[in-house]
Amino acid sequence: MKVCENILQTIGETPLVRINSITRGAISAAVYAKLETFNPGNSIKDRMAVRMIEDAERAGLLKPGGTIVEGTSGNTGMGLAIAAVVKGFCCVSTTTEKQSMGHYFDGRVSAVLGTHSHIPTADSWVLPGGTAYQTDVGMCGDYDSVIGMKKEGAVLRFIKKVPGERLSPAEGEGTMCAALVETDDKTGLARSVRPIRIGGRLPPAG
């Protein structure tokens, strides 16, 4: 059995599986599928992420303790985050989808306030047309968790890559995350926006 020194050494060691039923009677050649979901980040993009980081290290562009910033909406960010943890870098992932929506509606709505990643971002501001914007307001719940769920079960699912018992909410002290938007009574557009964080483990804001 191969023993890996860290999780990065498992990247790319994905199996080939012969396809039988789907191709039967349709093609005479042997057809195989490369199961890239067996990479630690469940994606072929783990390969790319490690390669980019190691190329940057060799070129002297990424030094110990450095920060990696990635505009991502999923798998590339996951791969970079895994590699960054192992190598001791800070990794910041951003997404342009919410920013695009903010600029599209700028001047037409009071605010565009994102959610879904559950992590409050530090980019609250009023766009040029008068729309308040924040990429992610954050969640209301216990941050000693995995997006509000007890971390043990969620981590086990990630490590083993198979469904386990039903996830249950974390029960520690919660943090309330919100955004306070002041609007103009005449135009309905924003005058100001500021994040609110109360209680729990995150630093207070607001």
C-alpha atoms as a PDB file:
ATOM      1  CA  MET A   1       0.000   0.000   0.000  1.00  0.00           C
ATOM      2  CA  LYS A   2       1.314   3.434  -0.922  1.00  0.00           C
ATOM      3  CA  VAL A   3       1.697   5.801   2.047  1.00  0.00           C
ATOM      4  CA  CYS A   4       1.451   9.524   1.234  1.00  0.00           C
ATOM      5  CA  GLU A   5       3.217  12.142   3.322  1.00  0.00           C
ATOM      6  CA  ASN A   6       0.416  14.652   2.759  1.00  0.00           C
ATOM      7  CA  ILE A   7      -2.864  14.966   0.883  1.00  0.00           C
ATOM      8  CA  LEU A   8      -1.225  16.667  -2.110  1.00  0.00           C
ATOM      9  CA  GLN A   9       0.579  13.467  -3.004  1.00  0.00           C
ATOM     10  CA  THR A  10      -2.779  11.829  -3.713  1.00  0.00           C
ATOM     11  CA  ILE A  11      -3.639  14.335  -6.443  1.00  0.00           C
ATOM     12  CA  GLY A  12      -3.592  12.736  -9.865  1.00  0.00           C
ATOM     13  CA  GLU A  13      -3.524   9.185  -8.505  1.00  0.00           C
ATOM     14  CA  THR A  14      -7.041   8.626  -9.815  1.00  0.00           C
ATOM     15  CA  PRO A  15      -8.203   5.289 -11.220  1.00  0.00           C
ATOM     16  CA  LEU A  16      -9.202   4.316 -14.738  1.00  0.00           C
ATOM     17  CA  VAL A  17     -12.435   2.335 -14.862  1.00  0.00           C
ATOM     18  CA  ARG A  18     -13.576   0.394 -17.899  1.00  0.00           C
ATOM     19  CA  ILE A  19     -17.006   1.401 -19.227  1.00  0.00           C
ATOM     20  CA  ASN A  20     -19.047  -1.694 -19.999  1.00  0.00           C
ATOM     21  CA  SER A  21     -22.819  -1.261 -20.209  1.00  0.00           C
ATOM     22  CA  ILE A  22     -22.980   2.157 -21.857  1.00  0.00           C
ATOM     23  CA  THR A  23     -20.753   1.213 -24.803  1.00  0.00           C
ATOM     24  CA  ARG A  24     -21.967  -2.348 -25.310  1.00  0.00           C
ATOM     25  CA  GLY A  25     -23.162  -2.772 -28.901  1.00  0.00           C
ATOM     26  CA  ALA A  26     -22.325   0.826 -29.779  1.00  0.00           C
ATOM     27  CA  ILE A  27     -18.547   0.778 -30.077  1.00  0.00           C
ATOM     28  CA  SER A  28     -16.013  -1.998 -30.414  1.00  0.00           C
ATOM     29  CA  ALA A  29     -13.110  -0.186 -28.780  1.00  0.00           C
ATOM     30  CA  ALA A  30     -12.404  -0.354 -25.072  1.00  0.00           C
ATOM     31  CA  VAL A  31     -13.576   2.825 -23.335  1.00  0.00           C
ATOM     32  CA  TYR A  32     -12.255   3.938 -19.955  1.00  0.00           C
ATOM     33  CA  ALA A  33     -13.260   6.753 -17.617  1.00  0.00           C
ATOM     34  CA  LYS A  34     -10.736   8.635 -15.518  1.00  0.00           C
ATOM     35  CA  LEU A  35     -12.349   9.210 -12.120  1.00  0.00           C
ATOM     36  CA  GLU A  36     -11.052  12.665 -11.270  1.00  0.00           C
ATOM     37  CA  THR A  37     -13.606  12.924  -8.483  1.00  0.00           C
ATOM     38  CA  PHE A  38     -11.200  10.767  -6.468  1.00  0.00           C
ATOM     39  CA  ASN A  39      -8.909  13.768  -6.122  1.00  0.00           C
ATOM     40  CA  PRO A  40      -9.097  15.268  -2.596  1.00  0.00           C
ATOM     41  CA  GLY A  41     -11.067  18.270  -3.845  1.00  0.00           C
ATOM     42  CA  ASN A  42     -13.351  16.059  -5.962  1.00  0.00           C
ATOM     43  CA  SER A  43     -12.148  17.650  -9.201  1.00  0.00           C
ATOM     44  CA  ILE A  44      -9.545  17.500 -11.948  1.00  0.00           C
ATOM     45  CA  LYS A  45      -8.770  21.121 -11.078  1.00  0.00           C
ATOM     46  CA  ASP A  46      -6.761  19.937  -8.062  1.00  0.00           C
ATOM     47  CA  ARG A  47      -4.016  19.076 -10.567  1.00  0.00           C
ATOM     48  CA  MET A  48      -4.008  22.583 -12.000  1.00  0.00           C
ATOM     49  CA  ALA A  49      -4.098  24.226  -8.570  1.00  0.00           C
ATOM     50  CA  VAL A  50      -1.033  22.413  -7.252  1.00  0.00           C
ATOM     51  CA  ARG A  51       0.852  23.001 -10.506  1.00  0.00           C
ATOM     52  CA  MET A  52       0.184  26.755 -10.417  1.00  0.00           C
ATOM     53  CA  ILE A  53       1.302  27.061  -6.805  1.00  0.00           C
ATOM     54  CA  GLU A  54       4.461  25.007  -7.302  1.00  0.00           C
ATOM     55  CA  ASP A  55       5.354  26.940 -10.476  1.00  0.00           C
ATOM     56  CA  ALA A  56       4.936  30.205  -8.559  1.00  0.00           C
ATOM     57  CA  GLU A  57       7.124  28.877  -5.739  1.00  0.00           C
ATOM     58  CA  ARG A  58       9.884  27.872  -8.139  1.00  0.00           C
ATOM     59  CA  ALA A  59       9.735  31.258  -9.861  1.00  0.00           C
ATOM     60  CA  GLY A  60       9.989  33.072  -6.537  1.00  0.00           C
ATOM     61  CA  LEU A  61       6.585  34.707  -7.018  1.00  0.00           C
ATOM     62  CA  LEU A  62       5.043  32.962  -4.018  1.00  0.00           C
ATOM     63  CA  LYS A  63       7.075  33.055  -0.834  1.00  0.00           C
ATOM     64  CA  PRO A  64       6.503  31.374   2.575  1.00  0.00           C
ATOM     65  CA  GLY A  65       3.528  32.916   4.354  1.00  0.00           C
ATOM     66  CA  GLY A  66       2.251  34.480   1.127  1.00  0.00           C
ATOM     67  CA  THR A  67      -1.361  34.976   0.138  1.00  0.00           C
ATOM     68  CA  ILE A  68      -3.107  33.424  -2.865  1.00  0.00           C
ATOM     69  CA  VAL A  69      -6.136  35.312  -4.231  1.00  0.00           C
ATOM     70  CA  GLU A  70      -8.366  33.440  -6.664  1.00  0.00           C
ATOM     71  CA  GLY A  71     -11.468  34.591  -8.500  1.00  0.00           C
ATOM     72  CA  THR A  72     -13.461  31.372  -8.372  1.00  0.00           C
ATOM     73  CA  SER A  73     -16.925  29.939  -8.065  1.00  0.00           C
ATOM     74  CA  GLY A  74     -15.977  26.408  -7.079  1.00  0.00           C
ATOM     75  CA  ASN A  75     -13.452  23.701  -7.863  1.00  0.00           C
ATOM     76  CA  THR A  76     -10.365  25.760  -8.628  1.00  0.00           C
ATOM     77  CA  GLY A  77     -10.762  27.586  -5.343  1.00  0.00           C
ATOM     78  CA  MET A  78     -11.155  24.285  -3.509  1.00  0.00           C
ATOM     79  CA  GLY A  79      -7.977  22.895  -5.044  1.00  0.00           C
ATOM     80  CA  LEU A  80      -5.984  26.036  -4.249  1.00  0.00           C
ATOM     81  CA  ALA A  81      -7.310  26.079  -0.683  1.00  0.00           C
ATOM     82  CA  ILE A  82      -6.266  22.465  -0.076  1.00  0.00           C
ATOM     83  CA  ALA A  83      -2.769  23.110  -1.435  1.00  0.00           C
ATOM     84  CA  ALA A  84      -2.469  26.367   0.496  1.00  0.00           C
ATOM     85  CA  VAL A  85      -3.285  24.697   3.813  1.00  0.00           C
ATOM     86  CA  VAL A  86      -0.644  22.017   3.288  1.00  0.00           C
ATOM     87  CA  LYS A  87       2.017  24.466   2.123  1.00  0.00           C
ATOM     88  CA  GLY A  88       1.311  27.153   4.726  1.00  0.00           C
ATOM     89  CA  PHE A  89      -0.150  29.857   2.489  1.00  0.00           C
ATOM     90  CA  CYS A  90      -3.206  32.014   3.039  1.00  0.00           C
ATOM     91  CA  CYS A  91      -5.867  31.518   0.363  1.00  0.00           C
ATOM     92  CA  VAL A  92      -8.605  34.066  -0.389  1.00  0.00           C
ATOM     93  CA  SER A  93     -11.331  33.048  -2.841  1.00  0.00           C
ATOM     94  CA  THR A  94     -13.579  35.606  -4.546  1.00  0.00           C
ATOM     95  CA  THR A  95     -16.361  35.301  -7.064  1.00  0.00           C
ATOM     96  CA  THR A  96     -17.395  37.674  -9.818  1.00  0.00           C
ATOM     97  CA  GLU A  97     -20.985  36.444 -10.152  1.00  0.00           C
ATOM     98  CA  LYS A  98     -22.353  38.563  -7.314  1.00  0.00           C
ATOM     99  CA  GLN A  99     -20.240  41.543  -8.341  1.00  0.00           C
ATOM    100  CA  SER A 100     -21.679  41.322 -11.844  1.00  0.00           C
ATOM    101  CA  MET A 101     -25.213  41.319 -10.464  1.00  0.00           C
ATOM    102  CA  GLY A 102     -24.367  44.286  -8.244  1.00  0.00           C
ATOM    103  CA  HIS A 103     -23.141  46.358 -11.175  1.00  0.00           C
ATOM    104  CA  TYR A 104     -26.055  45.255 -13.366  1.00  0.00           C
ATOM    105  CA  PHE A 105     -28.610  46.502 -10.823  1.00  0.00           C
ATOM    106  CA  ASP A 106     -26.581  49.519  -9.684  1.00  0.00           C
ATOM    107  CA  GLY A 107     -28.838  52.566  -9.551  1.00  0.00           C
ATOM    108  CA  ARG A 108     -32.002  50.460  -9.899  1.00  0.00           C
ATOM    109  CA  VAL A 109     -32.246  48.819  -6.467  1.00  0.00           C
ATOM    110  CA  SER A 110     -31.368  49.828  -2.924  1.00  0.00           C
ATOM    111  CA  ALA A 111     -28.971  46.970  -2.215  1.00  0.00           C
ATOM    112  CA  VAL A 112     -27.442  43.766  -3.545  1.00  0.00           C
ATOM    113  CA  LEU A 113     -26.373  41.664  -0.568  1.00  0.00           C
ATOM    114  CA  GLY A 114     -24.947  38.229  -1.252  1.00  0.00           C
ATOM    115  CA  THR A 115     -25.047  35.048   0.768  1.00  0.00           C
ATOM    116  CA  HIS A 116     -24.464  31.305   0.202  1.00  0.00           C
ATOM    117  CA  SER A 117     -20.776  30.979   1.133  1.00  0.00           C
ATOM    118  CA  HIS A 118     -21.717  31.865   4.744  1.00  0.00           C
ATOM    119  CA  ILE A 119     -18.478  33.817   5.248  1.00  0.00           C
ATOM    120  CA  PRO A 120     -18.869  37.586   5.720  1.00  0.00           C
ATOM    121  CA  THR A 121     -16.758  39.585   3.280  1.00  0.00           C
ATOM    122  CA  ALA A 122     -15.102  42.930   3.939  1.00  0.00           C
ATOM    123  CA  ASP A 123     -16.231  44.658   0.734  1.00  0.00           C
ATOM    124  CA  SER A 124     -19.399  46.499   1.768  1.00  0.00           C
ATOM    125  CA  TRP A 125     -19.688  49.810  -0.113  1.00  0.00           C
ATOM    126  CA  VAL A 126     -22.077  51.934  -2.130  1.00  0.00           C
ATOM    127  CA  LEU A 127     -21.633  51.423  -5.864  1.00  0.00           C
ATOM    128  CA  PRO A 128     -21.305  54.504  -8.135  1.00  0.00           C
ATOM    129  CA  GLY A 129     -24.999  54.432  -9.090  1.00  0.00           C
ATOM    130  CA  GLY A 130     -26.184  54.350  -5.479  1.00  0.00           C
ATOM    131  CA  THR A 131     -26.730  50.637  -4.774  1.00  0.00           C
ATOM    132  CA  ALA A 132     -25.321  49.216  -1.541  1.00  0.00           C
ATOM    133  CA  TYR A 133     -23.239  46.107  -2.131  1.00  0.00           C
ATOM    134  CA  GLN A 134     -21.639  43.301  -0.131  1.00  0.00           C
ATOM    135  CA  THR A 135     -20.503  40.029  -1.683  1.00  0.00           C
ATOM    136  CA  ASP A 136     -21.488  37.931   1.326  1.00  0.00           C
ATOM    137  CA  VAL A 137     -23.231  39.071   4.486  1.00  0.00           C
ATOM    138  CA  GLY A 138     -22.470  35.828   6.319  1.00  0.00           C
ATOM    139  CA  MET A 139     -24.687  33.443   8.221  1.00  0.00           C
ATOM    140  CA  CYS A 140     -26.492  33.447  11.538  1.00  0.00           C
ATOM    141  CA  GLY A 141     -25.235  30.487  13.543  1.00  0.00           C
ATOM    142  CA  ASP A 142     -22.274  28.852  15.234  1.00  0.00           C
ATOM    143  CA  TYR A 143     -19.070  29.461  13.262  1.00  0.00           C
ATOM    144  CA  ASP A 144     -17.310  26.580  15.028  1.00  0.00           C
ATOM    145  CA  SER A 145     -18.963  24.405  12.407  1.00  0.00           C
ATOM    146  CA  VAL A 146     -19.115  23.643   8.704  1.00  0.00           C
ATOM    147  CA  ILE A 147     -21.590  26.197   7.320  1.00  0.00           C
ATOM    148  CA  GLY A 148     -23.650  25.893  10.491  1.00  0.00           C
ATOM    149  CA  MET A 149     -23.599  22.108  10.766  1.00  0.00           C
ATOM    150  CA  LYS A 150     -21.726  20.014  13.316  1.00  0.00           C
ATOM    151  CA  LYS A 151     -18.214  19.775  11.958  1.00  0.00           C
ATOM    152  CA  GLU A 152     -17.479  16.123  12.789  1.00  0.00           C
ATOM    153  CA  GLY A 153     -20.042  14.669  10.391  1.00  0.00           C
ATOM    154  CA  ALA A 154     -19.269  17.198   7.652  1.00  0.00           C
ATOM    155  CA  VAL A 155     -15.519  16.560   7.848  1.00  0.00           C
ATOM    156  CA  LEU A 156     -16.098  12.804   7.735  1.00  0.00           C
ATOM    157  CA  ARG A 157     -18.122  13.176   4.542  1.00  0.00           C
ATOM    158  CA  PHE A 158     -15.329  15.225   2.976  1.00  0.00           C
ATOM    159  CA  ILE A 159     -12.570  12.799   3.947  1.00  0.00           C
ATOM    160  CA  LYS A 160     -14.377   9.565   3.085  1.00  0.00           C
ATOM    161  CA  LYS A 161     -16.279  10.942   0.060  1.00  0.00           C
ATOM    162  CA  VAL A 162     -19.391   8.948   0.973  1.00  0.00           C
ATOM    163  CA  PRO A 163     -22.633  10.089   2.604  1.00  0.00           C
ATOM    164  CA  GLY A 164     -22.797   9.505   6.326  1.00  0.00           C
ATOM    165  CA  GLU A 165     -25.444  10.206   8.889  1.00  0.00           C
ATOM    166  CA  ARG A 166     -27.708  13.188   8.382  1.00  0.00           C
ATOM    167  CA  LEU A 167     -25.967  16.458   9.228  1.00  0.00           C
ATOM    168  CA  SER A 168     -27.304  18.293  12.270  1.00  0.00           C
ATOM    169  CA  PRO A 169     -26.996  21.969  13.258  1.00  0.00           C
ATOM    170  CA  ALA A 170     -24.089  23.059  15.437  1.00  0.00           C
ATOM    171  CA  GLU A 171     -25.242  24.008  18.915  1.00  0.00           C
ATOM    172  CA  GLY A 172     -22.568  26.442  20.085  1.00  0.00           C
ATOM    173  CA  GLU A 173     -22.987  30.186  20.581  1.00  0.00           C
ATOM    174  CA  GLY A 174     -24.219  31.750  17.391  1.00  0.00           C
ATOM    175  CA  THR A 175     -23.115  34.851  15.539  1.00  0.00           C
ATOM    176  CA  MET A 176     -25.701  37.093  13.964  1.00  0.00           C
ATOM    177  CA  CYS A 177     -24.467  38.494  10.660  1.00  0.00           C
ATOM    178  CA  ALA A 178     -26.357  41.225   8.848  1.00  0.00           C
ATOM    179  CA  ALA A 179     -25.931  44.456   6.925  1.00  0.00           C
ATOM    180  CA  LEU A 180     -27.341  47.863   7.817  1.00  0.00           C
ATOM    181  CA  VAL A 181     -28.291  49.921   4.763  1.00  0.00           C
ATOM    182  CA  GLU A 182     -29.339  53.574   5.040  1.00  0.00           C
ATOM    183  CA  THR A 183     -31.397  54.717   2.064  1.00  0.00           C
ATOM    184  CA  ASP A 184     -32.505  58.052   0.684  1.00  0.00           C
ATOM    185  CA  ASP A 185     -36.253  58.646   1.255  1.00  0.00           C
ATOM    186  CA  LYS A 186     -36.691  60.255  -2.147  1.00  0.00           C
ATOM    187  CA  THR A 187     -34.650  58.036  -4.445  1.00  0.00           C
ATOM    188  CA  GLY A 188     -34.652  54.783  -2.501  1.00  0.00           C
ATOM    189  CA  LEU A 189     -30.949  54.429  -3.236  1.00  0.00           C
ATOM    190  CA  ALA A 190     -28.333  53.766  -0.587  1.00  0.00           C
ATOM    191  CA  ARG A 191     -26.528  56.420   1.376  1.00  0.00           C
ATOM    192  CA  SER A 192     -24.389  53.979   3.322  1.00  0.00           C
ATOM    193  CA  VAL A 193     -23.947  50.310   4.155  1.00  0.00           C
ATOM    194  CA  ARG A 194     -22.081  48.666   6.995  1.00  0.00           C
ATOM    195  CA  PRO A 195     -21.759  45.072   8.202  1.00  0.00           C
ATOM    196  CA  ILE A 196     -23.229  43.929  11.505  1.00  0.00           C
ATOM    197  CA  ARG A 197     -21.805  40.999  13.502  1.00  0.00           C
ATOM    198  CA  ILE A 198     -22.964  40.285  17.039  1.00  0.00           C
ATOM    199  CA  GLY A 199     -22.021  37.468  19.405  1.00  0.00           C
ATOM    200  CA  GLY A 200     -20.311  34.157  18.878  1.00  0.00           C
ATOM    201  CA  ARG A 201     -16.762  33.579  17.678  1.00  0.00           C
ATOM    202  CA  LEU A 202     -16.289  36.215  14.987  1.00  0.00           C
ATOM    203  CA  PRO A 203     -14.991  39.697  15.821  1.00  0.00           C
ATOM    204  CA  PRO A 204     -17.864  42.131  16.335  1.00  0.00           C
ATOM    205  CA  ALA A 205     -18.705  44.666  13.620  1.00  0.00           C
ATOM    206  CA  GLY A 206     -21.143  47.517  13.307  1.00  0.00           C
END
